[in-house]
């Protein structure tokens, strides 16, 4: 039986931003990209990422882009999934100051 886990989140970036982050966020593995679907092969399985542009968030006169990102983890155990997400989140985290 294939293990599968789906995680959906909204990211405060544009599609172009996301594709700039993607190589480093996936540790430069060879990616399979078809439109807004990205396949990330990993030892023991893969991650399939689906993108969906959403309406921007508005805070007064300030506008933030929103990108819906769905991660489908296929054939990966919990440790591999957690490792992928920890690196992805660390790499895509943006700070202010």
N, C-alpha and C. Protein backbone atom coordinates (compact mmCIF):
# COMPACT_ATOMS: atom_id res chain seq x y z
N UNK A 1 0.84 -1.18 0.00
CA UNK A 1 0.00 0.00 0.00
C UNK A 1 0.89 1.25 0.00
N UNK A 2 0.56 2.20 -0.86
CA UNK A 2 1.33 3.44 -0.96
C UNK A 2 0.88 4.41 0.13
N UNK A 3 1.86 4.92 0.85
CA UNK A 3 1.56 5.94 1.86
C UNK A 3 1.37 7.27 1.15
N UNK A 4 0.35 8.00 1.54
CA UNK A 4 0.11 9.30 0.94
C UNK A 4 -0.39 10.25 2.02
N UNK A 5 0.13 11.48 1.97
CA UNK A 5 -0.25 12.51 2.92
C UNK A 5 -0.35 13.82 2.16
N UNK A 6 -1.40 14.59 2.37
CA UNK A 6 -1.59 15.86 1.67
C UNK A 6 -1.60 17.00 2.68
N UNK A 7 -0.86 18.05 2.35
CA UNK A 7 -0.79 19.25 3.17
C UNK A 7 -1.07 20.45 2.26
N UNK A 8 -2.01 21.29 2.67
CA UNK A 8 -2.32 22.49 1.89
C UNK A 8 -2.02 23.72 2.73
N UNK A 9 -1.44 24.70 2.06
CA UNK A 9 -1.14 25.95 2.76
C UNK A 9 -1.18 27.11 1.78
N UNK A 10 -1.29 28.30 2.32
CA UNK A 10 -1.17 29.52 1.54
C UNK A 10 0.18 30.13 1.83
N UNK A 11 0.87 30.55 0.77
CA UNK A 11 2.16 31.21 0.93
C UNK A 11 2.03 32.65 0.45
N UNK A 12 2.71 33.55 1.13
CA UNK A 12 2.68 34.97 0.78
C UNK A 12 3.72 35.30 -0.27
N UNK A 13 3.53 34.74 -1.47
CA UNK A 13 4.47 34.99 -2.56
C UNK A 13 3.74 34.85 -3.89
N UNK A 14 4.37 35.31 -4.94
CA UNK A 14 3.82 35.13 -6.28
C UNK A 14 4.31 33.79 -6.85
N UNK A 15 3.73 33.39 -7.96
CA UNK A 15 4.17 32.17 -8.65
C UNK A 15 5.64 32.30 -9.05
N UNK A 16 6.03 33.48 -9.57
CA UNK A 16 7.43 33.71 -9.96
C UNK A 16 8.37 33.60 -8.77
N UNK A 17 7.97 34.17 -7.62
CA UNK A 17 8.77 34.04 -6.40
C UNK A 17 8.96 32.57 -6.05
N UNK A 18 7.86 31.82 -6.08
CA UNK A 18 7.91 30.41 -5.71
C UNK A 18 8.91 29.65 -6.58
N UNK A 19 8.87 29.89 -7.89
CA UNK A 19 9.79 29.19 -8.79
C UNK A 19 11.24 29.63 -8.58
N UNK A 20 11.46 30.83 -8.08
CA UNK A 20 12.83 31.25 -7.73
C UNK A 20 13.32 30.51 -6.49
N UNK A 21 12.44 30.30 -5.51
CA UNK A 21 12.81 29.58 -4.29
C UNK A 21 13.00 28.08 -4.52
N UNK A 22 12.25 27.54 -5.48
CA UNK A 22 12.09 26.10 -5.61
C UNK A 22 13.38 25.28 -5.69
N UNK A 23 14.36 25.61 -6.53
CA UNK A 23 15.56 24.76 -6.58
C UNK A 23 16.25 24.61 -5.22
N UNK A 24 16.47 25.70 -4.52
CA UNK A 24 17.12 25.61 -3.22
C UNK A 24 16.24 24.95 -2.17
N UNK A 25 14.93 25.22 -2.24
CA UNK A 25 14.00 24.66 -1.26
C UNK A 25 13.85 23.16 -1.40
N UNK A 26 14.20 22.62 -2.58
CA UNK A 26 14.12 21.17 -2.81
C UNK A 26 15.52 20.55 -2.90
N UNK A 27 16.51 21.27 -2.43
CA UNK A 27 17.90 20.79 -2.39
C UNK A 27 18.43 20.42 -3.77
N UNK A 28 17.97 21.14 -4.78
CA UNK A 28 18.46 21.04 -6.15
C UNK A 28 18.30 19.65 -6.76
N UNK A 29 17.27 18.90 -6.35
CA UNK A 29 17.00 17.63 -7.02
C UNK A 29 16.40 17.93 -8.40
N UNK A 30 16.55 17.04 -9.37
CA UNK A 30 15.93 17.27 -10.69
C UNK A 30 14.41 17.31 -10.54
N UNK A 31 13.81 18.40 -10.95
CA UNK A 31 12.37 18.58 -10.80
C UNK A 31 11.65 18.23 -12.10
N UNK A 32 10.42 17.75 -11.96
CA UNK A 32 9.56 17.49 -13.11
C UNK A 32 8.45 18.54 -13.08
N UNK A 33 8.52 19.52 -13.98
CA UNK A 33 7.59 20.65 -13.94
C UNK A 33 6.70 20.62 -15.17
N UNK A 34 5.39 20.61 -14.92
CA UNK A 34 4.39 20.72 -15.98
C UNK A 34 3.39 21.77 -15.54
N UNK A 35 3.51 22.97 -16.08
CA UNK A 35 2.63 24.06 -15.68
C UNK A 35 2.76 24.37 -14.21
N UNK A 36 1.66 24.22 -13.47
CA UNK A 36 1.65 24.50 -12.03
C UNK A 36 1.76 23.23 -11.19
N UNK A 37 2.23 22.14 -11.79
CA UNK A 37 2.46 20.89 -11.07
C UNK A 37 3.94 20.58 -11.08
N UNK A 38 4.49 20.33 -9.91
CA UNK A 38 5.93 20.06 -9.77
C UNK A 38 6.10 18.70 -9.11
N UNK A 39 6.87 17.82 -9.72
CA UNK A 39 7.21 16.54 -9.13
C UNK A 39 8.62 16.62 -8.55
N UNK A 40 8.75 16.20 -7.31
CA UNK A 40 10.03 16.22 -6.61
C UNK A 40 10.37 14.78 -6.21
N UNK A 41 11.25 14.11 -7.00
CA UNK A 41 11.61 12.74 -6.63
C UNK A 41 12.56 12.73 -5.43
N UNK A 42 12.26 11.84 -4.48
CA UNK A 42 13.07 11.70 -3.27
C UNK A 42 13.32 10.22 -3.03
N UNK A 43 14.35 9.86 -2.29
CA UNK A 43 14.56 8.45 -1.98
C UNK A 43 13.32 7.86 -1.29
N UNK A 44 12.78 6.81 -1.85
CA UNK A 44 11.63 6.14 -1.26
C UNK A 44 10.28 6.67 -1.70
N UNK A 45 10.24 7.76 -2.47
CA UNK A 45 8.94 8.30 -2.88
C UNK A 45 9.09 9.61 -3.61
N UNK A 46 8.08 10.43 -3.49
CA UNK A 46 8.09 11.72 -4.18
C UNK A 46 7.13 12.69 -3.51
N UNK A 47 7.33 13.96 -3.84
CA UNK A 47 6.40 15.01 -3.42
C UNK A 47 5.83 15.61 -4.70
N UNK A 48 4.53 15.72 -4.77
CA UNK A 48 3.90 16.41 -5.88
C UNK A 48 3.34 17.72 -5.34
N UNK A 49 3.75 18.82 -5.95
CA UNK A 49 3.34 20.15 -5.51
C UNK A 49 2.43 20.74 -6.58
N UNK A 50 1.28 21.24 -6.15
CA UNK A 50 0.32 21.91 -7.04
C UNK A 50 0.17 23.36 -6.59
N UNK A 51 0.22 24.27 -7.54
CA UNK A 51 0.10 25.70 -7.24
C UNK A 51 -1.23 26.24 -7.74
N UNK A 52 -1.79 27.19 -7.01
CA UNK A 52 -3.03 27.86 -7.42
C UNK A 52 -2.95 29.31 -6.95
N UNK A 53 -2.96 30.22 -7.92
CA UNK A 53 -2.95 31.64 -7.55
C UNK A 53 -4.29 31.99 -6.92
N UNK A 54 -4.23 32.76 -5.83
CA UNK A 54 -5.43 33.17 -5.11
C UNK A 54 -5.50 34.70 -5.08
N UNK A 55 -6.68 35.22 -4.75
CA UNK A 55 -6.78 36.68 -4.64
C UNK A 55 -5.83 37.20 -3.56
N UNK A 56 -5.27 38.38 -3.77
CA UNK A 56 -4.35 38.93 -2.77
C UNK A 56 -5.08 39.29 -1.49
N UNK A 57 -4.31 39.33 -0.41
CA UNK A 57 -4.83 39.80 0.88
C UNK A 57 -4.60 41.30 0.96
N UNK A 58 -5.55 41.99 1.49
CA UNK A 58 -5.43 43.44 1.62
C UNK A 58 -5.51 43.83 3.09
N UNK A 59 -4.56 44.63 3.48
CA UNK A 59 -4.53 45.20 4.83
C UNK A 59 -4.48 46.71 4.67
N UNK A 60 -5.64 47.31 4.68
CA UNK A 60 -5.71 48.75 4.39
C UNK A 60 -5.27 48.98 2.95
N UNK A 61 -4.25 49.79 2.76
CA UNK A 61 -3.76 50.06 1.41
C UNK A 61 -2.63 49.10 1.01
N UNK A 62 -2.28 48.18 1.90
CA UNK A 62 -1.19 47.23 1.65
C UNK A 62 -1.76 45.94 1.06
N UNK A 63 -1.14 45.43 0.00
CA UNK A 63 -1.60 44.22 -0.68
C UNK A 63 -0.51 43.16 -0.64
N UNK A 64 -0.88 41.93 -0.25
CA UNK A 64 0.05 40.81 -0.20
C UNK A 64 -0.38 39.73 -1.19
N UNK A 65 0.55 39.21 -1.99
CA UNK A 65 0.18 38.12 -2.89
C UNK A 65 -0.10 36.85 -2.10
N UNK A 66 -0.95 35.97 -2.64
CA UNK A 66 -1.26 34.69 -2.00
C UNK A 66 -1.19 33.60 -3.06
N UNK A 67 -0.43 32.57 -2.74
CA UNK A 67 -0.30 31.41 -3.62
C UNK A 67 -0.71 30.18 -2.83
N UNK A 68 -1.73 29.48 -3.31
CA UNK A 68 -2.13 28.23 -2.70
C UNK A 68 -1.14 27.14 -3.11
N UNK A 69 -0.62 26.40 -2.14
CA UNK A 69 0.36 25.35 -2.42
C UNK A 69 -0.12 24.07 -1.75
N UNK A 70 -0.26 23.02 -2.57
CA UNK A 70 -0.67 21.72 -2.06
C UNK A 70 0.50 20.76 -2.22
N UNK A 71 0.89 20.12 -1.13
CA UNK A 71 1.98 19.13 -1.13
C UNK A 71 1.34 17.75 -0.99
N UNK A 72 1.61 16.86 -1.92
CA UNK A 72 1.15 15.47 -1.81
C UNK A 72 2.40 14.60 -1.67
N UNK A 73 2.54 13.99 -0.51
CA UNK A 73 3.69 13.14 -0.21
C UNK A 73 3.31 11.71 -0.54
N UNK A 74 4.02 11.09 -1.45
CA UNK A 74 3.68 9.76 -1.92
C UNK A 74 4.83 8.80 -1.61
N UNK A 75 4.54 7.76 -0.85
CA UNK A 75 5.53 6.73 -0.55
C UNK A 75 6.60 7.12 0.46
N UNK A 76 6.44 8.25 1.11
CA UNK A 76 7.45 8.72 2.07
C UNK A 76 6.97 8.49 3.50
N UNK A 77 7.88 8.08 4.36
CA UNK A 77 7.51 7.91 5.77
C UNK A 77 7.48 9.28 6.46
N UNK A 78 7.03 9.28 7.70
CA UNK A 78 6.89 10.54 8.44
C UNK A 78 8.21 11.29 8.57
N UNK A 79 9.30 10.57 8.79
CA UNK A 79 10.61 11.22 8.97
C UNK A 79 11.04 11.92 7.68
N UNK A 80 10.84 11.27 6.53
CA UNK A 80 11.22 11.88 5.24
C UNK A 80 10.35 13.09 4.95
N UNK A 81 9.06 12.99 5.27
CA UNK A 81 8.15 14.12 5.06
C UNK A 81 8.55 15.29 5.95
N UNK A 82 8.81 15.02 7.22
CA UNK A 82 9.20 16.08 8.15
C UNK A 82 10.52 16.72 7.74
N UNK A 83 11.47 15.92 7.25
CA UNK A 83 12.75 16.45 6.80
C UNK A 83 12.56 17.37 5.59
N UNK A 84 11.74 16.94 4.63
CA UNK A 84 11.48 17.76 3.45
C UNK A 84 10.86 19.09 3.86
N UNK A 85 9.83 19.04 4.70
CA UNK A 85 9.13 20.27 5.10
C UNK A 85 10.01 21.19 5.94
N UNK A 86 10.83 20.62 6.81
CA UNK A 86 11.72 21.46 7.63
C UNK A 86 12.68 22.25 6.75
N UNK A 87 13.28 21.58 5.76
CA UNK A 87 14.21 22.27 4.86
C UNK A 87 13.46 23.28 3.99
N UNK A 88 12.33 22.86 3.41
CA UNK A 88 11.54 23.73 2.54
C UNK A 88 11.13 25.00 3.30
N UNK A 89 10.62 24.82 4.52
CA UNK A 89 10.17 25.98 5.30
C UNK A 89 11.33 26.89 5.69
N UNK A 90 12.44 26.31 6.08
CA UNK A 90 13.61 27.10 6.43
C UNK A 90 14.10 27.90 5.23
N UNK A 91 14.12 27.27 4.07
CA UNK A 91 14.64 27.93 2.87
C UNK A 91 13.70 29.05 2.39
N UNK A 92 12.40 28.84 2.53
CA UNK A 92 11.45 29.82 2.00
C UNK A 92 11.03 30.87 3.03
N UNK A 93 11.51 30.74 4.25
CA UNK A 93 11.15 31.71 5.29
C UNK A 93 11.80 33.06 4.96
N UNK A 94 10.99 34.09 5.06
CA UNK A 94 11.51 35.44 4.83
C UNK A 94 11.32 36.23 6.10
N UNK A 95 12.34 36.94 6.46
CA UNK A 95 12.25 37.76 7.67
C UNK A 95 12.19 39.23 7.33
N UNK A 96 11.75 39.96 8.24
CA UNK A 96 11.71 41.41 8.06
C UNK A 96 12.59 42.06 9.11
N UNK A 97 12.75 43.33 8.99
CA UNK A 97 13.50 43.98 10.04
C UNK A 97 14.20 45.20 9.57
